[in-house]
Amino acid sequence: MRQKQKNTGLVETLPLGYLKDKNTGTISIDEETSWIVREVFRLYIEGYGLTTIAKKMNAEGIKSPDYYFNRKLSDHKPEISKKYLWCRLP
């Protein structure tokens, strides 16, 4: 996927906080999730580690990026969304 993006310049998968319009291909800020990204960066800048941030997000019930990437599936099967917890990634 990264090689395709490098070769064509097309974005296939966007990070949390962004949306791509299927008709025009334009990328915009996703107001529903952008606050989560800002909060993670704020906590990191304040000196919190990745594990602590993940625990804090889980404790506050904030859904992980995986939930939002699969939100259409999660809307139809709420039991699936329960597995989307924050974890520390290397």
Protein backbone atom coordinates (compact mmCIF):
# COMPACT_ATOMS: atom_id res chain seq x y z
CA MET A 1 0.00 0.00 0.00
CA ARG A 2 2.82 2.41 0.87
CA GLN A 3 4.61 1.60 -2.39
CA LYS A 4 1.41 2.31 -4.34
CA GLN A 5 1.05 5.63 -2.54
CA LYS A 6 4.67 6.45 -3.28
CA ASN A 7 4.38 5.55 -6.96
CA THR A 8 0.98 7.11 -7.68
CA GLY A 9 0.69 9.75 -5.00
CA LEU A 10 -2.80 8.46 -4.19
CA VAL A 11 -3.82 8.10 -0.58
CA GLU A 12 -5.52 4.78 0.09
CA THR A 13 -5.92 4.81 3.86
CA LEU A 14 -6.03 8.02 5.85
CA PRO A 15 -4.94 8.39 9.46
CA LEU A 16 -7.46 9.10 12.19
CA GLY A 17 -8.78 12.65 11.96
CA TYR A 18 -9.12 12.83 8.17
CA LEU A 19 -11.77 11.94 5.60
CA LYS A 20 -11.59 11.49 1.85
CA ASP A 21 -14.53 12.52 -0.33
CA LYS A 22 -15.33 9.57 -2.59
CA ASN A 23 -16.64 11.80 -5.39
CA THR A 24 -13.94 14.46 -5.57
CA GLY A 25 -11.03 12.70 -3.86
CA THR A 26 -10.39 15.72 -1.66
CA ILE A 27 -9.12 15.17 1.86
CA SER A 28 -10.61 17.09 4.76
CA ILE A 29 -10.51 17.10 8.54
CA ASP A 30 -12.96 14.70 10.19
CA GLU A 31 -14.55 16.82 12.92
CA GLU A 32 -15.90 13.69 14.65
CA THR A 33 -12.41 12.31 15.34
CA SER A 34 -9.93 15.18 15.03
CA TRP A 35 -10.33 16.07 18.71
CA ILE A 36 -8.99 12.61 19.62
CA VAL A 37 -5.80 13.22 17.67
CA ARG A 38 -5.37 16.61 19.33
CA GLU A 39 -5.87 15.05 22.77
CA VAL A 40 -3.29 12.32 22.13
CA PHE A 41 -0.73 14.91 20.99
CA ARG A 42 -1.51 17.16 23.97
CA LEU A 43 -0.97 14.31 26.42
CA TYR A 44 2.25 13.24 24.68
CA ILE A 45 3.64 16.79 24.76
CA GLU A 46 2.78 16.98 28.46
CA GLY A 47 5.07 14.00 29.00
CA TYR A 48 2.69 11.06 29.13
CA GLY A 49 4.00 7.83 27.64
CA LEU A 50 2.18 5.76 25.03
CA THR A 51 1.03 3.12 27.51
CA THR A 52 -0.34 5.76 29.88
CA ILE A 53 -2.15 7.53 27.04
CA ALA A 54 -3.71 4.24 25.92
CA LYS A 55 -4.85 3.44 29.47
CA LYS A 56 -6.29 6.95 29.86
CA MET A 57 -8.22 6.70 26.60
CA ASN A 58 -9.64 3.30 27.57
CA ALA A 59 -10.59 4.56 31.04
CA GLU A 60 -12.44 7.51 29.53
CA GLY A 61 -14.24 5.25 27.04
CA ILE A 62 -12.74 6.95 23.99
CA LYS A 63 -12.91 4.64 21.00
CA SER A 64 -9.67 3.66 19.27
CA PRO A 65 -8.70 4.43 15.65
CA ASP A 66 -9.58 0.83 14.71
CA TYR A 67 -13.17 1.47 15.76
CA TYR A 68 -13.42 4.49 13.47
CA PHE A 69 -11.77 2.71 10.55
CA ASN A 70 -14.40 -0.02 10.92
CA ARG A 71 -17.26 2.21 12.09
CA LYS A 72 -19.72 1.01 9.45
CA LEU A 73 -19.24 -2.56 10.62
CA SER A 74 -19.37 -1.50 14.26
CA ASP A 75 -22.66 0.33 13.74
CA HIS A 76 -24.34 -2.88 12.63
CA LYS A 77 -22.65 -5.18 15.13
CA PRO A 78 -22.14 -3.36 18.45
CA GLU A 79 -20.51 -6.40 20.04
CA ILE A 80 -17.62 -6.04 17.59
CA SER A 81 -16.93 -2.46 18.67
CA LYS A 82 -16.17 -3.61 22.23
CA LYS A 83 -12.89 -5.12 21.09
CA TYR A 84 -11.52 -1.82 19.83
CA LEU A 85 -9.40 -0.73 22.76
CA TRP A 86 -6.36 1.50 22.74
CA CYS A 87 -3.01 -0.24 23.02
CA ARG A 88 0.58 0.91 22.97
CA LEU A 89 2.12 0.43 19.56
CA PRO A 90 5.91 0.33 19.09
